[in-house]
Amino acid sequence: YPKAVLSCVNVALLSFLLVTYIDIYRKTYSEFTIGLILYSVIFMFYLLASNPLFIWAFGYRSFGLCPFTILPDIFALAALAVLLYYVLMY
């Protein structure tokens, strides 16, 4: 599964980015950094919900009609809404 490997690498990179954002927030207490943290967490949910290994772990063997067909799009919508909110706020 190349998609599963790529998704796991993305989760690892995003985890590192999230830890970095949290460290920046502890130093600056910037409200914009909170938005980046929220975006990263929601994007992490997106990556997990679209990972074939994660889907398989919950017992779904095919990619037909299962909750995981719409979950990634819902998480992407939420992440983009967070970004749009902070862009319009500043």
Protein backbone atom coordinates (compact mmCIF):
# COMPACT_ATOMS: atom_id res chain seq x y z
CA TYR A 1 0.00 0.00 0.00
CA PRO A 2 1.92 3.06 -1.17
CA LYS A 3 -0.97 5.26 0.00
CA ALA A 4 -0.70 3.84 3.53
CA VAL A 5 3.05 4.44 3.68
CA LEU A 6 2.70 7.97 2.35
CA SER A 7 -0.11 8.68 4.79
CA CYS A 8 2.00 7.43 7.72
CA VAL A 9 4.87 9.71 6.64
CA ASN A 10 2.44 12.63 6.47
CA VAL A 11 1.18 11.87 9.98
CA ALA A 12 4.76 11.79 11.27
CA LEU A 13 5.61 15.12 9.62
CA LEU A 14 2.41 16.72 10.84
CA SER A 15 3.09 15.45 14.38
CA PHE A 16 6.47 17.16 14.33
CA LEU A 17 4.85 20.34 13.01
CA LEU A 18 2.18 20.21 15.72
CA VAL A 19 4.78 19.85 18.48
CA THR A 20 6.64 22.82 16.99
CA TYR A 21 3.48 24.95 16.94
CA ILE A 22 2.76 24.07 20.56
CA ASP A 23 6.30 25.06 21.51
CA ILE A 24 5.92 28.38 19.67
CA TYR A 25 2.62 29.01 21.44
CA ARG A 26 4.21 28.39 24.85
CA LYS A 27 6.80 31.06 24.04
CA THR A 28 4.58 33.68 22.41
CA TYR A 29 0.94 33.04 23.44
CA SER A 30 -0.08 34.13 19.95
CA GLU A 31 -3.71 33.66 19.00
CA PHE A 32 -2.67 32.97 15.41
CA THR A 33 -0.60 30.01 16.64
CA ILE A 34 -3.73 28.58 18.25
CA GLY A 35 -5.29 28.61 14.79
CA LEU A 36 -2.31 26.75 13.37
CA ILE A 37 -2.58 24.19 16.18
CA LEU A 38 -6.31 23.71 15.49
CA TYR A 39 -5.63 23.40 11.77
CA SER A 40 -2.92 20.80 12.42
CA VAL A 41 -5.12 18.72 14.72
CA ILE A 42 -8.03 18.73 12.27
CA PHE A 43 -5.69 17.93 9.38
CA MET A 44 -4.30 15.04 11.47
CA PHE A 45 -7.85 13.67 11.76
CA TYR A 46 -8.17 14.03 7.99
CA LEU A 47 -4.98 12.07 7.41
CA LEU A 48 -5.99 9.34 9.82
CA ALA A 49 -9.49 9.03 8.38
CA SER A 50 -8.11 8.64 4.86
CA ASN A 51 -5.34 6.18 5.80
CA PRO A 52 -6.14 2.66 4.49
CA LEU A 53 -4.54 1.07 7.56
CA PHE A 54 -6.76 3.09 9.88
CA ILE A 55 -9.86 2.15 7.88
CA TRP A 56 -8.83 -1.51 7.95
CA ALA A 57 -8.25 -1.34 11.74
CA PHE A 58 -11.92 -0.41 12.21
CA GLY A 59 -13.06 -3.46 10.26
CA TYR A 60 -13.91 -1.93 6.90
CA ARG A 61 -12.38 -4.05 4.17
CA SER A 62 -13.65 -2.28 1.09
CA PHE A 63 -13.84 1.36 0.17
CA GLY A 64 -17.54 1.26 -0.61
CA LEU A 65 -20.07 2.86 1.65
CA CYS A 66 -18.54 3.31 5.06
CA PRO A 67 -18.16 6.29 7.39
CA PHE A 68 -14.62 6.82 6.14
CA THR A 69 -15.81 7.87 2.68
CA ILE A 70 -17.12 11.21 3.97
CA LEU A 71 -15.03 11.79 7.10
CA PRO A 72 -11.91 13.07 5.29
CA ASP A 73 -13.99 15.68 3.46
CA ILE A 74 -15.63 16.81 6.70
CA PHE A 75 -12.23 17.22 8.35
CA ALA A 76 -10.88 19.08 5.32
CA LEU A 77 -13.87 21.44 5.49
CA ALA A 78 -13.24 22.10 9.18
CA ALA A 79 -9.52 22.70 8.64
CA LEU A 80 -10.17 25.12 5.80
CA ALA A 81 -12.79 26.92 7.88
CA VAL A 82 -10.20 27.47 10.63
CA LEU A 83 -7.72 28.88 8.11
CA LEU A 84 -10.35 31.12 6.54
CA TYR A 85 -11.42 32.43 9.95
CA TYR A 86 -7.87 33.43 10.86
CA VAL A 87 -7.16 34.94 7.45
CA LEU A 88 -10.26 37.11 7.67
CA MET A 89 -9.56 38.01 11.29
CA TYR A 90 -6.12 39.43 10.52
